[in-house]
Amino acid sequence: MAESSVAMGQVKVLVIEDNADDRELLMRQLRKSGLGEQVKFISDGKEAHDFLTGPEAPPPDDLIIILLDLRLPSLSGLELLRRLRALPRFQALPVTVMTSSNDPRDLEECRRLNVLSYLTKPVTFDSFSKAVADIFHPPKAAGESAASV
């Protein structure tokens, strides 16, 4: 079920996460980053796909980032990402994956799908802040950021 009362034109950050504790942590961090009023939370992979590809979706250019969990109900985060990357309008949209998975195949697939960063849960304020900073000021070389993929 979609969560959040942000108006469609105001959504800048889409968080696709089914864990309530992780959503709360992210919301606190996004408020500290000045993005708290522009966040939409969705807790289901299929619903996120329907939202992003439906008639009321924010234009991809309006979104700053998608924060994506890999383990979601209905449709996994990886499958959602594959479907979005197959659409030209989502090929360059920054996506940060936040997951408890340390499976090297997940990391490799995220690299292949051009993920901005891959954060292993629990996400700390420092790692999240760095990931958000990298959106606006990417590291000059891929090896400069431990969180970069």
Protein backbone atom coordinates (compact mmCIF):
# COMPACT_ATOMS: atom_id res chain seq x y z
CA MET A 1 0.00 0.00 0.00
CA ALA A 2 1.29 3.49 -0.85
CA GLU A 3 2.07 5.70 2.07
CA SER A 4 2.52 9.45 2.29
CA SER A 5 0.38 12.44 1.53
CA VAL A 6 2.85 14.35 -0.63
CA ALA A 7 1.21 15.84 -3.71
CA MET A 8 2.36 14.23 -6.96
CA GLY A 9 4.18 17.32 -8.22
CA GLN A 10 6.11 17.60 -4.97
CA VAL A 11 7.59 14.08 -4.88
CA LYS A 12 11.37 14.38 -5.18
CA VAL A 13 12.41 11.28 -3.22
CA LEU A 14 10.67 7.95 -3.60
CA VAL A 15 11.42 5.43 -0.85
CA ILE A 16 10.44 1.87 -1.69
CA GLU A 17 10.85 0.05 1.62
CA ASP A 18 8.61 -2.37 3.49
CA ASN A 19 10.25 -2.22 6.93
CA ALA A 20 8.58 0.38 9.17
CA ASP A 21 11.71 0.91 11.30
CA ASP A 22 13.86 1.53 8.23
CA ARG A 23 11.24 3.94 6.83
CA GLU A 24 11.28 5.89 10.11
CA LEU A 25 15.09 6.09 10.11
CA LEU A 26 15.10 7.26 6.51
CA MET A 27 12.44 9.87 7.20
CA ARG A 28 14.46 11.32 10.08
CA GLN A 29 17.53 11.48 7.86
CA LEU A 30 15.64 13.01 4.94
CA ARG A 31 14.23 15.71 7.24
CA LYS A 32 17.77 16.55 8.34
CA SER A 33 18.73 16.77 4.66
CA GLY A 34 15.85 19.20 3.97
CA LEU A 35 13.89 16.72 1.85
CA GLY A 36 11.31 15.59 4.41
CA GLU A 37 8.38 17.36 2.76
CA GLN A 38 9.06 15.84 -0.67
CA VAL A 39 9.15 12.13 0.18
CA LYS A 40 6.72 9.41 -0.83
CA PHE A 41 6.91 5.97 0.78
CA ILE A 42 5.71 2.80 -0.93
CA SER A 43 6.12 -0.57 0.75
CA ASP A 44 5.37 -2.94 -2.15
CA GLY A 45 7.35 -3.57 -5.35
CA LYS A 46 4.36 -3.98 -7.66
CA GLU A 47 2.68 -0.91 -6.27
CA ALA A 48 5.88 1.08 -6.79
CA HIS A 49 6.01 -0.08 -10.42
CA ASP A 50 2.37 0.85 -10.94
CA PHE A 51 2.94 4.27 -9.34
CA LEU A 52 6.04 5.03 -11.42
CA THR A 53 4.56 3.90 -14.72
CA GLY A 54 0.99 5.04 -14.16
CA PRO A 55 -0.76 8.20 -15.34
CA GLU A 56 -0.26 10.06 -12.02
CA ALA A 57 3.48 9.37 -11.75
CA PRO A 58 5.82 12.30 -11.23
CA PRO A 59 7.94 12.96 -14.31
CA PRO A 60 11.28 11.11 -13.92
CA ASP A 61 13.07 14.45 -14.29
CA ASP A 62 11.28 15.70 -11.15
CA LEU A 63 12.57 12.82 -9.02
CA ILE A 64 15.92 13.34 -7.34
CA ILE A 65 16.38 9.73 -6.31
CA ILE A 66 14.74 6.41 -5.61
CA LEU A 67 15.81 4.69 -2.39
CA LEU A 68 15.12 1.01 -3.00
CA ASP A 69 15.04 -2.06 -0.80
CA LEU A 70 15.76 -5.32 -2.66
CA ARG A 71 13.51 -7.52 -0.53
CA LEU A 72 9.96 -6.35 -1.20
CA PRO A 73 6.54 -8.01 -1.32
CA SER A 74 4.91 -8.78 -4.72
CA LEU A 75 7.87 -7.72 -6.85
CA SER A 76 11.49 -7.74 -5.74
CA GLY A 77 13.54 -4.56 -5.80
CA LEU A 78 15.85 -6.06 -8.43
CA GLU A 79 12.95 -6.99 -10.70
CA LEU A 80 11.43 -3.54 -10.23
CA LEU A 81 14.77 -1.97 -11.12
CA ARG A 82 15.14 -4.18 -14.22
CA ARG A 83 11.67 -3.13 -15.41
CA LEU A 84 12.35 0.56 -14.80
CA ARG A 85 15.76 0.52 -16.50
CA ALA A 86 14.13 -1.07 -19.56
CA LEU A 87 12.13 2.16 -20.00
CA PRO A 88 14.12 5.02 -21.55
CA ARG A 89 12.72 7.63 -19.15
CA PHE A 90 14.16 5.75 -16.14
CA GLN A 91 17.58 4.80 -17.50
CA ALA A 92 19.41 7.74 -15.91
CA LEU A 93 17.33 8.16 -12.74
CA PRO A 94 19.58 7.87 -9.66
CA VAL A 95 18.77 4.82 -7.55
CA THR A 96 20.35 3.96 -4.22
CA VAL A 97 19.82 0.42 -3.05
CA MET A 98 19.47 -0.19 0.68
CA THR A 99 19.46 -3.85 1.57
CA SER A 100 20.41 -6.44 4.13
CA SER A 101 21.71 -8.60 1.28
CA ASN A 102 25.43 -9.13 1.05
CA ASP A 103 25.04 -11.55 -1.87
CA PRO A 104 27.71 -10.70 -4.48
CA ARG A 105 25.22 -11.53 -7.26
CA ASP A 106 22.88 -8.78 -6.01
CA LEU A 107 25.75 -6.29 -5.96
CA GLU A 108 26.84 -7.29 -9.47
CA GLU A 109 23.29 -7.01 -10.79
CA CYS A 110 22.97 -3.56 -9.20
CA ARG A 111 26.19 -2.50 -10.93
CA ARG A 112 24.84 -3.78 -14.24
CA LEU A 113 21.64 -1.80 -13.66
CA ASN A 114 23.60 1.42 -13.05
CA VAL A 115 22.78 1.86 -9.35
CA LEU A 116 24.30 4.99 -7.83
CA SER A 117 25.15 3.33 -4.53
CA TYR A 118 24.56 0.10 -2.62
CA LEU A 119 24.10 0.54 1.13
CA THR A 120 24.02 -2.47 3.41
CA LYS A 121 21.53 -2.21 6.26
CA PRO A 122 21.47 -1.04 8.86
CA VAL A 123 21.89 2.26 7.04
CA THR A 124 23.66 4.81 9.22
CA PHE A 125 23.18 8.54 9.10
CA ASP A 126 26.74 8.93 7.77
CA SER A 127 26.35 6.39 4.95
CA PHE A 128 22.96 7.80 3.99
CA SER A 129 24.25 11.39 4.07
CA LYS A 130 27.18 10.41 1.85
CA ALA A 131 24.84 8.69 -0.61
CA VAL A 132 22.63 11.80 -0.80
CA ALA A 133 25.70 14.06 -1.20
CA ASP A 134 26.97 11.83 -4.02
CA ILE A 135 23.76 12.51 -5.96
CA PHE A 136 24.57 16.21 -6.14
CA HIS A 137 28.38 15.96 -6.11
CA PRO A 138 29.43 12.56 -7.46
CA PRO A 139 32.96 11.38 -6.63
CA LYS A 140 35.47 12.11 -9.38
CA ALA A 141 36.63 8.50 -9.52
CA ALA A 142 34.55 5.40 -8.82
CA GLY A 143 37.03 4.23 -6.18
CA GLU A 144 36.63 7.35 -4.04
CA SER A 145 33.36 6.30 -2.42
CA ALA A 146 32.99 3.12 -0.39
CA ALA A 147 29.24 3.32 -0.93
CA SER A 148 29.48 3.65 -4.72
CA VAL A 149 28.91 0.64 -6.92
